[in-house]
Amino acid sequence: MADSPARNTGAHVVYTELKRQILSLELKPGARIYEPAMAEALQVSRTPLREAIRRLISESLLEQQPTGGVLVPALDEAVISELYEVRAAMESLMARQACSKATAADIDVLNGILERNAAMVKFADDAMTQGMALHAKIAELAGNSWARRFHDQISSQMERYRHFTNSTQERRDQALAQHRILVDAVAAGNPEKAAKLAFDHVIGARDAALRAITGSSLAVS
């Protein structure tokens, strides 16, 4: 018998809230999920909570321990590095492909995002939102459905680390400058330059994230 819509909706609401807490680091890396306490905190029964936990485990946002316990994954520097390296490859590929497909109207959209990025560069969350919008638009222009699918999967995993990448004004200013020259390369139809700029930009974000995470004492080396 299929699950009822109410049950599925309840599990999805719990999943969404738990995912938000994990990605925002409200649930700290290494924290254990105690079902009775979590069910009480979220004011739900154990059934939708367990469904949500199973889904988050399948997405590697929670870890099932051999003892049966469930933990929020630690910020593992090796895993973080691997994720950024794969994302760099995807961003590079999509920037290259966007060069041959971007229209004048598309470039206007990218420049509009840059303007909003510049206006919000002093605010970490807003600057990050505009940076993500720029990369999403380039992914859309590339039109590579598989690259975009993999990129979206990786991006979801990386939300836990993004606020580390732009935690300083220096990094936000640097990212904005890099976004500007990336858009210029796409507008000029220069795939080699755009690909390299996109790759180097993500690797720079990786390095900034690792420095910040190491300094926060949250990471597992």
C-alpha atoms as a PDB file:
ATOM      1  CA  MET A   1       0.000   0.000   0.000  1.00  0.00           C
ATOM      2  CA  ALA A   2       1.314   3.433  -0.926  1.00  0.00           C
ATOM      3  CA  ASP A   3       2.131   5.945   1.767  1.00  0.00           C
ATOM      4  CA  SER A   4      -0.573   8.549   2.354  1.00  0.00           C
ATOM      5  CA  PRO A   5       0.006  12.096   1.024  1.00  0.00           C
ATOM      6  CA  ALA A   6      -0.106  13.413   4.599  1.00  0.00           C
ATOM      7  CA  ARG A   7       2.652  11.018   5.658  1.00  0.00           C
ATOM      8  CA  ASN A   8       4.819  11.928   2.676  1.00  0.00           C
ATOM      9  CA  THR A   9       4.243  15.635   3.260  1.00  0.00           C
ATOM     10  CA  GLY A  10       5.177  15.288   6.928  1.00  0.00           C
ATOM     11  CA  ALA A  11       8.394  13.463   6.097  1.00  0.00           C
ATOM     12  CA  HIS A  12       9.292  16.104   3.510  1.00  0.00           C
ATOM     13  CA  VAL A  13       8.745  18.944   5.976  1.00  0.00           C
ATOM     14  CA  VAL A  14      10.979  17.201   8.517  1.00  0.00           C
ATOM     15  CA  TYR A  15      13.577  16.464   5.822  1.00  0.00           C
ATOM     16  CA  THR A  16      13.605  20.110   4.723  1.00  0.00           C
ATOM     17  CA  GLU A  17      14.055  21.408   8.266  1.00  0.00           C
ATOM     18  CA  LEU A  18      16.761  18.899   9.196  1.00  0.00           C
ATOM     19  CA  LYS A  19      18.605  19.611   5.966  1.00  0.00           C
ATOM     20  CA  ARG A  20      18.446  23.347   6.682  1.00  0.00           C
ATOM     21  CA  GLN A  21      19.886  22.807  10.150  1.00  0.00           C
ATOM     22  CA  ILE A  22      22.709  20.630   8.800  1.00  0.00           C
ATOM     23  CA  LEU A  23      23.654  22.959   5.934  1.00  0.00           C
ATOM     24  CA  SER A  24      23.530  26.076   8.116  1.00  0.00           C
ATOM     25  CA  LEU A  25      25.688  24.309  10.750  1.00  0.00           C
ATOM     26  CA  GLU A  26      22.912  24.837  13.282  1.00  0.00           C
ATOM     27  CA  LEU A  27      23.372  21.112  13.807  1.00  0.00           C
ATOM     28  CA  LYS A  28      27.089  20.994  14.474  1.00  0.00           C
ATOM     29  CA  PRO A  29      29.415  18.596  12.643  1.00  0.00           C
ATOM     30  CA  GLY A  30      29.718  15.426  14.706  1.00  0.00           C
ATOM     31  CA  ALA A  31      26.419  16.009  16.523  1.00  0.00           C
ATOM     32  CA  ARG A  32      24.364  12.887  17.185  1.00  0.00           C
ATOM     33  CA  ILE A  33      20.716  12.713  16.199  1.00  0.00           C
ATOM     34  CA  TYR A  34      18.639  11.451  19.138  1.00  0.00           C
ATOM     35  CA  GLU A  35      15.271  10.490  17.701  1.00  0.00           C
ATOM     36  CA  PRO A  36      13.094  11.123  20.792  1.00  0.00           C
ATOM     37  CA  ALA A  37      14.591  14.559  21.439  1.00  0.00           C
ATOM     38  CA  MET A  38      14.541  15.521  17.750  1.00  0.00           C
ATOM     39  CA  ALA A  39      10.939  14.357  17.297  1.00  0.00           C
ATOM     40  CA  GLU A  40       9.926  16.445  20.309  1.00  0.00           C
ATOM     41  CA  ALA A  41      11.867  19.475  19.084  1.00  0.00           C
ATOM     42  CA  LEU A  42      10.251  19.282  15.641  1.00  0.00           C
ATOM     43  CA  GLN A  43       6.857  18.330  17.117  1.00  0.00           C
ATOM     44  CA  VAL A  44       6.482  15.286  14.877  1.00  0.00           C
ATOM     45  CA  SER A  45       6.126  11.547  15.350  1.00  0.00           C
ATOM     46  CA  ARG A  46       9.072   9.190  14.955  1.00  0.00           C
ATOM     47  CA  THR A  47       7.824   7.799  11.605  1.00  0.00           C
ATOM     48  CA  PRO A  48       8.304  10.931   9.414  1.00  0.00           C
ATOM     49  CA  LEU A  49      11.506  11.697  11.296  1.00  0.00           C
ATOM     50  CA  ARG A  50      12.940   8.275  10.448  1.00  0.00           C
ATOM     51  CA  GLU A  51      11.953   8.692   6.799  1.00  0.00           C
ATOM     52  CA  ALA A  52      13.683  12.064   6.688  1.00  0.00           C
ATOM     53  CA  ILE A  53      16.795  10.630   8.360  1.00  0.00           C
ATOM     54  CA  ARG A  54      16.955   7.794   5.823  1.00  0.00           C
ATOM     55  CA  ARG A  55      16.779  10.282   2.969  1.00  0.00           C
ATOM     56  CA  LEU A  56      19.508  12.462   4.452  1.00  0.00           C
ATOM     57  CA  ILE A  57      21.719   9.404   4.963  1.00  0.00           C
ATOM     58  CA  SER A  58      21.259   8.530   1.264  1.00  0.00           C
ATOM     59  CA  GLU A  59      22.449  12.067   0.402  1.00  0.00           C
ATOM     60  CA  SER A  60      25.480  11.767   2.735  1.00  0.00           C
ATOM     61  CA  LEU A  61      24.183  14.626   4.871  1.00  0.00           C
ATOM     62  CA  LEU A  62      23.847  12.246   7.820  1.00  0.00           C
ATOM     63  CA  GLU A  63      25.983   9.213   8.667  1.00  0.00           C
ATOM     64  CA  GLN A  64      24.769   5.857   9.956  1.00  0.00           C
ATOM     65  CA  GLN A  65      27.254   4.507  12.493  1.00  0.00           C
ATOM     66  CA  PRO A  66      27.997   0.758  12.852  1.00  0.00           C
ATOM     67  CA  THR A  67      26.488   0.982  16.335  1.00  0.00           C
ATOM     68  CA  GLY A  68      23.226   2.243  14.842  1.00  0.00           C
ATOM     69  CA  GLY A  69      23.646   5.871  15.848  1.00  0.00           C
ATOM     70  CA  VAL A  70      23.194   8.701  13.360  1.00  0.00           C
ATOM     71  CA  LEU A  71      25.645  11.622  13.226  1.00  0.00           C
ATOM     72  CA  VAL A  72      26.026  14.865  11.329  1.00  0.00           C
ATOM     73  CA  PRO A  73      29.178  14.303   9.218  1.00  0.00           C
ATOM     74  CA  ALA A  74      32.352  16.022  10.356  1.00  0.00           C
ATOM     75  CA  LEU A  75      33.902  18.681   8.129  1.00  0.00           C
ATOM     76  CA  ASP A  76      36.496  16.404   6.560  1.00  0.00           C
ATOM     77  CA  GLU A  77      39.174  18.403   4.751  1.00  0.00           C
ATOM     78  CA  ALA A  78      39.894  15.624   2.236  1.00  0.00           C
ATOM     79  CA  VAL A  79      36.218  15.287   1.316  1.00  0.00           C
ATOM     80  CA  ILE A  80      35.816  19.055   1.033  1.00  0.00           C
ATOM     81  CA  SER A  81      38.844  19.287  -1.248  1.00  0.00           C
ATOM     82  CA  GLU A  82      37.484  16.527  -3.486  1.00  0.00           C
ATOM     83  CA  LEU A  83      34.087  18.204  -3.764  1.00  0.00           C
ATOM     84  CA  TYR A  84      35.585  21.537  -4.761  1.00  0.00           C
ATOM     85  CA  GLU A  85      37.865  19.891  -7.310  1.00  0.00           C
ATOM     86  CA  VAL A  86      34.933  18.133  -8.982  1.00  0.00           C
ATOM     87  CA  ARG A  87      32.904  21.335  -8.902  1.00  0.00           C
ATOM     88  CA  ALA A  88      35.835  23.210 -10.462  1.00  0.00           C
ATOM     89  CA  ALA A  89      35.875  20.734 -13.343  1.00  0.00           C
ATOM     90  CA  MET A  90      32.106  21.134 -13.846  1.00  0.00           C
ATOM     91  CA  GLU A  91      32.257  24.943 -13.676  1.00  0.00           C
ATOM     92  CA  SER A  92      35.149  24.965 -16.141  1.00  0.00           C
ATOM     93  CA  LEU A  93      33.271  22.775 -18.608  1.00  0.00           C
ATOM     94  CA  MET A  94      30.092  24.844 -18.379  1.00  0.00           C
ATOM     95  CA  ALA A  95      31.917  28.164 -18.732  1.00  0.00           C
ATOM     96  CA  ARG A  96      33.612  26.827 -21.856  1.00  0.00           C
ATOM     97  CA  GLN A  97      30.302  25.735 -23.367  1.00  0.00           C
ATOM     98  CA  ALA A  98      28.503  28.953 -22.404  1.00  0.00           C
ATOM     99  CA  CYS A  99      30.907  30.944 -24.567  1.00  0.00           C
ATOM    100  CA  SER A 100      29.456  29.592 -27.798  1.00  0.00           C
ATOM    101  CA  LYS A 101      25.823  29.956 -26.718  1.00  0.00           C
ATOM    102  CA  ALA A 102      25.514  33.223 -24.801  1.00  0.00           C
ATOM    103  CA  THR A 103      23.539  35.943 -26.589  1.00  0.00           C
ATOM    104  CA  ALA A 104      23.747  39.667 -26.005  1.00  0.00           C
ATOM    105  CA  ALA A 105      20.633  39.384 -23.863  1.00  0.00           C
ATOM    106  CA  ASP A 106      22.286  36.640 -21.802  1.00  0.00           C
ATOM    107  CA  ILE A 107      25.329  38.827 -21.210  1.00  0.00           C
ATOM    108  CA  ASP A 108      23.006  41.616 -20.059  1.00  0.00           C
ATOM    109  CA  VAL A 109      21.530  39.195 -17.498  1.00  0.00           C
ATOM    110  CA  LEU A 110      25.003  38.227 -16.281  1.00  0.00           C
ATOM    111  CA  ASN A 111      25.997  41.884 -15.981  1.00  0.00           C
ATOM    112  CA  GLY A 112      22.819  42.564 -14.014  1.00  0.00           C
ATOM    113  CA  ILE A 113      23.807  39.840 -11.565  1.00  0.00           C
ATOM    114  CA  LEU A 114      27.262  41.396 -11.304  1.00  0.00           C
ATOM    115  CA  GLU A 115      25.715  44.765 -10.459  1.00  0.00           C
ATOM    116  CA  ARG A 116      23.672  43.186  -7.669  1.00  0.00           C
ATOM    117  CA  ASN A 117      26.760  41.316  -6.486  1.00  0.00           C
ATOM    118  CA  ALA A 118      28.695  44.583  -6.321  1.00  0.00           C
ATOM    119  CA  ALA A 119      25.870  46.287  -4.412  1.00  0.00           C
ATOM    120  CA  MET A 120      25.755  43.444  -1.875  1.00  0.00           C
ATOM    121  CA  VAL A 121      29.465  42.670  -1.624  1.00  0.00           C
ATOM    122  CA  LYS A 122      29.715  43.894   1.969  1.00  0.00           C
ATOM    123  CA  PHE A 123      27.051  41.411   3.098  1.00  0.00           C
ATOM    124  CA  ALA A 124      28.254  37.813   3.199  1.00  0.00           C
ATOM    125  CA  ASP A 125      24.930  36.025   2.649  1.00  0.00           C
ATOM    126  CA  ASP A 126      23.704  38.379  -0.062  1.00  0.00           C
ATOM    127  CA  ALA A 127      27.030  38.321  -1.885  1.00  0.00           C
ATOM    128  CA  MET A 128      26.974  34.531  -1.787  1.00  0.00           C
ATOM    129  CA  THR A 129      23.427  34.456  -3.175  1.00  0.00           C
ATOM    130  CA  GLN A 130      24.413  36.618  -6.134  1.00  0.00           C
ATOM    131  CA  GLY A 131      27.553  34.577  -6.773  1.00  0.00           C
ATOM    132  CA  MET A 132      25.463  31.409  -6.840  1.00  0.00           C
ATOM    133  CA  ALA A 133      23.019  33.090  -9.234  1.00  0.00           C
ATOM    134  CA  LEU A 134      25.861  33.942 -11.602  1.00  0.00           C
ATOM    135  CA  HIS A 135      27.153  30.370 -11.669  1.00  0.00           C
ATOM    136  CA  ALA A 136      23.609  29.044 -12.102  1.00  0.00           C
ATOM    137  CA  LYS A 137      23.053  31.325 -15.117  1.00  0.00           C
ATOM    138  CA  ILE A 138      26.300  30.182 -16.731  1.00  0.00           C
ATOM    139  CA  ALA A 139      25.228  26.572 -16.133  1.00  0.00           C
ATOM    140  CA  GLU A 140      21.902  27.327 -17.794  1.00  0.00           C
ATOM    141  CA  LEU A 141      23.646  28.906 -20.803  1.00  0.00           C
ATOM    142  CA  ALA A 142      25.941  25.900 -21.200  1.00  0.00           C
ATOM    143  CA  GLY A 143      22.908  23.694 -21.737  1.00  0.00           C
ATOM    144  CA  ASN A 144      24.704  20.504 -20.681  1.00  0.00           C
ATOM    145  CA  SER A 145      22.059  18.598 -18.741  1.00  0.00           C
ATOM    146  CA  TRP A 146      24.439  15.996 -17.292  1.00  0.00           C
ATOM    147  CA  ALA A 147      27.018  18.548 -16.187  1.00  0.00           C
ATOM    148  CA  ARG A 148      24.276  20.618 -14.609  1.00  0.00           C
ATOM    149  CA  ARG A 149      22.816  17.583 -12.831  1.00  0.00           C
ATOM    150  CA  PHE A 150      26.166  16.622 -11.336  1.00  0.00           C
ATOM    151  CA  HIS A 151      26.879  20.265 -10.518  1.00  0.00           C
ATOM    152  CA  ASP A 152      23.564  20.587  -8.664  1.00  0.00           C
ATOM    153  CA  GLN A 153      24.281  17.436  -6.640  1.00  0.00           C
ATOM    154  CA  ILE A 154      27.707  18.716  -5.673  1.00  0.00           C
ATOM    155  CA  SER A 155      26.384  22.190  -4.904  1.00  0.00           C
ATOM    156  CA  SER A 156      23.840  20.742  -2.484  1.00  0.00           C
ATOM    157  CA  GLN A 157      26.628  18.970  -0.605  1.00  0.00           C
ATOM    158  CA  MET A 158      28.735  22.120  -0.564  1.00  0.00           C
ATOM    159  CA  GLU A 159      26.179  24.380   1.054  1.00  0.00           C
ATOM    160  CA  ARG A 160      27.678  23.451   4.436  1.00  0.00           C
ATOM    161  CA  TYR A 161      30.981  24.997   3.382  1.00  0.00           C
ATOM    162  CA  ARG A 162      29.958  28.022   1.323  1.00  0.00           C
ATOM    163  CA  HIS A 163      29.780  30.537   4.139  1.00  0.00           C
ATOM    164  CA  PHE A 164      33.430  29.722   4.915  1.00  0.00           C
ATOM    165  CA  THR A 165      34.442  30.773   1.385  1.00  0.00           C
ATOM    166  CA  ASN A 166      33.278  34.380   1.679  1.00  0.00           C
ATOM    167  CA  SER A 167      33.626  35.047   5.383  1.00  0.00           C
ATOM    168  CA  THR A 168      36.062  37.932   4.817  1.00  0.00           C
ATOM    169  CA  GLN A 169      35.610  41.165   2.874  1.00  0.00           C
ATOM    170  CA  GLU A 170      38.874  40.487   1.064  1.00  0.00           C
ATOM    171  CA  ARG A 171      37.561  37.182  -0.296  1.00  0.00           C
ATOM    172  CA  ARG A 172      34.209  38.704  -1.315  1.00  0.00           C
ATOM    173  CA  ASP A 173      35.958  41.502  -3.204  1.00  0.00           C
ATOM    174  CA  GLN A 174      38.255  38.984  -4.860  1.00  0.00           C
ATOM    175  CA  ALA A 175      35.337  36.766  -5.885  1.00  0.00           C
ATOM    176  CA  LEU A 176      33.488  39.737  -7.398  1.00  0.00           C
ATOM    177  CA  ALA A 177      36.576  40.698  -9.425  1.00  0.00           C
ATOM    178  CA  GLN A 178      36.896  37.120 -10.645  1.00  0.00           C
ATOM    179  CA  HIS A 179      33.221  37.047 -11.597  1.00  0.00           C
ATOM    180  CA  ARG A 180      33.694  40.208 -13.656  1.00  0.00           C
ATOM    181  CA  ILE A 181      36.548  38.837 -15.731  1.00  0.00           C
ATOM    182  CA  LEU A 182      34.737  35.523 -16.142  1.00  0.00           C
ATOM    183  CA  VAL A 183      31.699  37.295 -17.588  1.00  0.00           C
ATOM    184  CA  ASP A 184      34.018  39.319 -19.853  1.00  0.00           C
ATOM    185  CA  ALA A 185      35.548  36.078 -21.163  1.00  0.00           C
ATOM    186  CA  VAL A 186      32.107  34.564 -21.821  1.00  0.00           C
ATOM    187  CA  ALA A 187      30.987  37.778 -23.547  1.00  0.00           C
ATOM    188  CA  ALA A 188      34.124  37.725 -25.715  1.00  0.00           C
ATOM    189  CA  GLY A 189      33.488  34.111 -26.669  1.00  0.00           C
ATOM    190  CA  ASN A 190      36.870  32.991 -25.323  1.00  0.00           C
ATOM    191  CA  PRO A 191      36.305  29.390 -24.135  1.00  0.00           C
ATOM    192  CA  GLU A 192      39.883  28.650 -23.044  1.00  0.00           C
ATOM    193  CA  LYS A 193      40.089  31.743 -20.880  1.00  0.00           C
ATOM    194  CA  ALA A 194      36.588  31.275 -19.451  1.00  0.00           C
ATOM    195  CA  ALA A 195      37.298  27.636 -18.600  1.00  0.00           C
ATOM    196  CA  LYS A 196      40.531  28.487 -16.787  1.00  0.00           C
ATOM    197  CA  LEU A 197      38.985  31.417 -14.934  1.00  0.00           C
ATOM    198  CA  ALA A 198      36.060  29.300 -13.741  1.00  0.00           C
ATOM    199  CA  PHE A 199      38.359  26.508 -12.609  1.00  0.00           C
ATOM    200  CA  ASP A 200      40.750  28.835 -10.769  1.00  0.00           C
ATOM    201  CA  HIS A 201      37.857  30.688  -9.129  1.00  0.00           C
ATOM    202  CA  VAL A 202      36.475  27.501  -7.555  1.00  0.00           C
ATOM    203  CA  ILE A 203      39.916  26.330  -6.460  1.00  0.00           C
ATOM    204  CA  GLY A 204      40.388  29.710  -4.794  1.00  0.00           C
ATOM    205  CA  ALA A 205      37.076  29.215  -2.994  1.00  0.00           C
ATOM    206  CA  ARG A 206      38.268  25.774  -1.887  1.00  0.00           C
ATOM    207  CA  ASP A 207      41.457  27.204  -0.440  1.00  0.00           C
ATOM    208  CA  ALA A 208      39.543  29.952   1.383  1.00  0.00           C
ATOM    209  CA  ALA A 209      37.084  27.414   2.809  1.00  0.00           C
ATOM    210  CA  LEU A 210      39.822  25.078   4.011  1.00  0.00           C
ATOM    211  CA  ARG A 211      41.692  27.924   5.700  1.00  0.00           C
ATOM    212  CA  ALA A 212      38.537  29.090   7.474  1.00  0.00           C
ATOM    213  CA  ILE A 213      37.450  25.599   8.481  1.00  0.00           C
ATOM    214  CA  THR A 214      40.897  24.694   9.789  1.00  0.00           C
ATOM    215  CA  GLY A 215      40.890  27.853  11.866  1.00  0.00           C
ATOM    216  CA  SER A 216      37.430  27.065  13.240  1.00  0.00           C
ATOM    217  CA  SER A 217      38.533  23.740  14.800  1.00  0.00           C
ATOM    218  CA  LEU A 218      35.553  22.013  13.191  1.00  0.00           C
ATOM    219  CA  ALA A 219      37.447  20.012  10.592  1.00  0.00           C
ATOM    220  CA  VAL A 220      38.790  16.485  10.582  1.00  0.00           C
ATOM    221  CA  SER A 221      42.252  16.488   8.975  1.00  0.00           C
END
